[in-house]
C-alpha atoms as a PDB file:
ATOM      1  CA  UNK A   1      15.081   6.049  -6.997  1.00  0.00           C
ATOM      2  CA  UNK A   2      14.431   4.944 -10.617  1.00  0.00           C
ATOM      3  CA  UNK A   3      14.256   1.674  -8.902  1.00  0.00           C
ATOM      4  CA  UNK A   4      10.267  -0.397  -9.636  1.00  0.00           C
ATOM      5  CA  UNK A   5       9.833  -1.949  -7.237  1.00  0.00           C
ATOM      6  CA  UNK A   6      10.635   0.203  -4.534  1.00  0.00           C
ATOM      7  CA  UNK A   7       7.809   2.297  -6.679  1.00  0.00           C
ATOM      8  CA  UNK A   8       5.762   0.134  -6.276  1.00  0.00           C
ATOM      9  CA  UNK A   9       5.924  -0.365  -2.396  1.00  0.00           C
ATOM     10  CA  UNK A  10       5.841   3.247  -2.187  1.00  0.00           C
ATOM     11  CA  UNK A  11       2.572   3.697  -4.138  1.00  0.00           C
ATOM     12  CA  UNK A  12       1.035   1.350  -2.326  1.00  0.00           C
ATOM     13  CA  UNK A  13       1.575   2.951   1.181  1.00  0.00           C
ATOM     14  CA  UNK A  14      -0.709   5.818   2.246  1.00  0.00           C
ATOM     15  CA  UNK A  15       2.108   6.733   5.035  1.00  0.00           C
ATOM     16  CA  UNK A  16       5.079   9.193   5.360  1.00  0.00           C
ATOM     17  CA  UNK A  17       8.127   6.569   5.224  1.00  0.00           C
ATOM     18  CA  UNK A  18       8.839   3.217   3.779  1.00  0.00           C
ATOM     19  CA  UNK A  19      10.808   0.867   6.117  1.00  0.00           C
ATOM     20  CA  UNK A  20      13.020  -2.441   4.889  1.00  0.00           C
ATOM     21  CA  UNK A  21      13.458  -4.028   8.199  1.00  0.00           C
ATOM     22  CA  UNK A  22      14.896  -7.080   9.319  1.00  0.00           C
ATOM     23  CA  UNK A  23      14.204  -9.745  12.347  1.00  0.00           C
ATOM     24  CA  UNK A  24      15.918  -9.000  15.521  1.00  0.00           C
ATOM     25  CA  UNK A  25      17.615  -5.858  14.750  1.00  0.00           C
ATOM     26  CA  UNK A  26      17.933  -3.597  16.923  1.00  0.00           C
ATOM     27  CA  UNK A  27      18.126  -0.706  14.536  1.00  0.00           C
ATOM     28  CA  UNK A  28      15.388  -0.877  13.086  1.00  0.00           C
ATOM     29  CA  UNK A  29      13.544  -1.456  16.732  1.00  0.00           C
ATOM     30  CA  UNK A  30      14.889   2.201  16.677  1.00  0.00           C
ATOM     31  CA  UNK A  31      13.732   3.853  14.277  1.00  0.00           C
ATOM     32  CA  UNK A  32      10.474   2.696  14.436  1.00  0.00           C
ATOM     33  CA  UNK A  33      10.421   4.106  17.745  1.00  0.00           C
ATOM     34  CA  UNK A  34      11.774   7.285  16.416  1.00  0.00           C
ATOM     35  CA  UNK A  35       9.566   7.756  13.694  1.00  0.00           C
ATOM     36  CA  UNK A  36       6.417   7.204  16.188  1.00  0.00           C
ATOM     37  CA  UNK A  37       8.023   9.633  18.531  1.00  0.00           C
ATOM     38  CA  UNK A  38       8.006  11.802  15.510  1.00  0.00           C
ATOM     39  CA  UNK A  39       4.350  11.220  14.990  1.00  0.00           C
ATOM     40  CA  UNK A  40       5.458   9.698  11.821  1.00  0.00           C
ATOM     41  CA  UNK A  41       3.050   6.609  10.205  1.00  0.00           C
ATOM     42  CA  UNK A  42       5.411   4.438   8.323  1.00  0.00           C
ATOM     43  CA  UNK A  43       4.772   1.057   6.216  1.00  0.00           C
ATOM     44  CA  UNK A  44       7.530  -1.083   7.168  1.00  0.00           C
ATOM     45  CA  UNK A  45       8.504  -4.621   4.695  1.00  0.00           C
ATOM     46  CA  UNK A  46      10.862  -7.142   6.470  1.00  0.00           C
ATOM     47  CA  UNK A  47      13.070  -8.925   4.635  1.00  0.00           C
ATOM     48  CA  UNK A  48      12.322 -11.987   6.681  1.00  0.00           C
ATOM     49  CA  UNK A  49       9.177 -11.956   5.267  1.00  0.00           C
ATOM     50  CA  UNK A  50       9.648 -11.520   1.834  1.00  0.00           C
ATOM     51  CA  UNK A  51      11.676 -13.898  -0.238  1.00  0.00           C
ATOM     52  CA  UNK A  52      14.418 -12.138  -2.316  1.00  0.00           C
ATOM     53  CA  UNK A  53      13.549  -8.351  -1.553  1.00  0.00           C
ATOM     54  CA  UNK A  54      16.232  -7.346   0.595  1.00  0.00           C
ATOM     55  CA  UNK A  55      18.924  -8.380  -3.007  1.00  0.00           C
ATOM     56  CA  UNK A  56      16.429  -6.163  -4.755  1.00  0.00           C
ATOM     57  CA  UNK A  57      16.609  -3.241  -1.870  1.00  0.00           C
ATOM     58  CA  UNK A  58      20.651  -3.207  -1.959  1.00  0.00           C
ATOM     59  CA  UNK A  59      20.378  -3.353  -5.931  1.00  0.00           C
ATOM     60  CA  UNK A  60      18.781  -0.402  -5.890  1.00  0.00           C
ATOM     61  CA  UNK A  61      20.687   1.453  -2.698  1.00  0.00           C
ATOM     62  CA  UNK A  62      23.724   0.127  -2.560  1.00  0.00           C
ATOM     63  CA  UNK A  63      23.163  -0.035   1.352  1.00  0.00           C
ATOM     64  CA  UNK A  64      23.310  -3.287   2.802  1.00  0.00           C
ATOM     65  CA  UNK A  65      22.232  -2.977   6.311  1.00  0.00           C
ATOM     66  CA  UNK A  66      19.021  -3.098   7.579  1.00  0.00           C
ATOM     67  CA  UNK A  67      17.130  -0.988   8.193  1.00  0.00           C
ATOM     68  CA  UNK A  68      16.741   0.740   4.814  1.00  0.00           C
ATOM     69  CA  UNK A  69      14.065   3.883   4.903  1.00  0.00           C
ATOM     70  CA  UNK A  70      12.226   5.829   2.747  1.00  0.00           C
ATOM     71  CA  UNK A  71      10.901   9.252   3.214  1.00  0.00           C
ATOM     72  CA  UNK A  72       7.175   9.535   1.222  1.00  0.00           C
ATOM     73  CA  UNK A  73       5.833  13.201   2.016  1.00  0.00           C
ATOM     74  CA  UNK A  74       6.290  15.365  -0.794  1.00  0.00           C
ATOM     75  CA  UNK A  75       6.546  14.887  -4.634  1.00  0.00           C
ATOM     76  CA  UNK A  76       9.434  12.094  -4.912  1.00  0.00           C
ATOM     77  CA  UNK A  77       9.872   9.190  -3.095  1.00  0.00           C
ATOM     78  CA  UNK A  78      13.601  10.087  -0.783  1.00  0.00           C
ATOM     79  CA  UNK A  79      16.170   7.753   0.011  1.00  0.00           C
ATOM     80  CA  UNK A  80      17.069   8.852   3.480  1.00  0.00           C
ATOM     81  CA  UNK A  81      19.554   5.718   4.622  1.00  0.00           C
ATOM     82  CA  UNK A  82      19.687   3.867   8.057  1.00  0.00           C
ATOM     83  CA  UNK A  83      18.751   4.759  11.643  1.00  0.00           C
ATOM     84  CA  UNK A  84      21.553   6.673  11.591  1.00  0.00           C
ATOM     85  CA  UNK A  85      20.971   9.010   8.472  1.00  0.00           C
ATOM     86  CA  UNK A  86      17.128   8.907   9.585  1.00  0.00           C
ATOM     87  CA  UNK A  87      18.098  10.208  13.573  1.00  0.00           C
ATOM     88  CA  UNK A  88      19.715  12.573  11.512  1.00  0.00           C
ATOM     89  CA  UNK A  89      17.582  13.641   8.780  1.00  0.00           C
ATOM     90  CA  UNK A  90      14.330  13.942  11.201  1.00  0.00           C
ATOM     91  CA  UNK A  91      16.839  15.966  13.692  1.00  0.00           C
END
């Protein structure tokens, strides 16, 4: 992943995952519960609270829905996808 905003957010985070969410998103809540159930920490950025951020993340990932999730464990920022991909990734 080469997008600067994602790398900036990842560098500022001291958690296992980076998650981009939206208000009233059932899959976002499910993803957060999944991470919590696995005892994995996450930093959340809500698109509804950060003007213009959604467009930047869509441009970087091509992922148009929320959540958008990255694994920050290890040496690289790894794009996982949405809830379904994260559920498969962690199980």
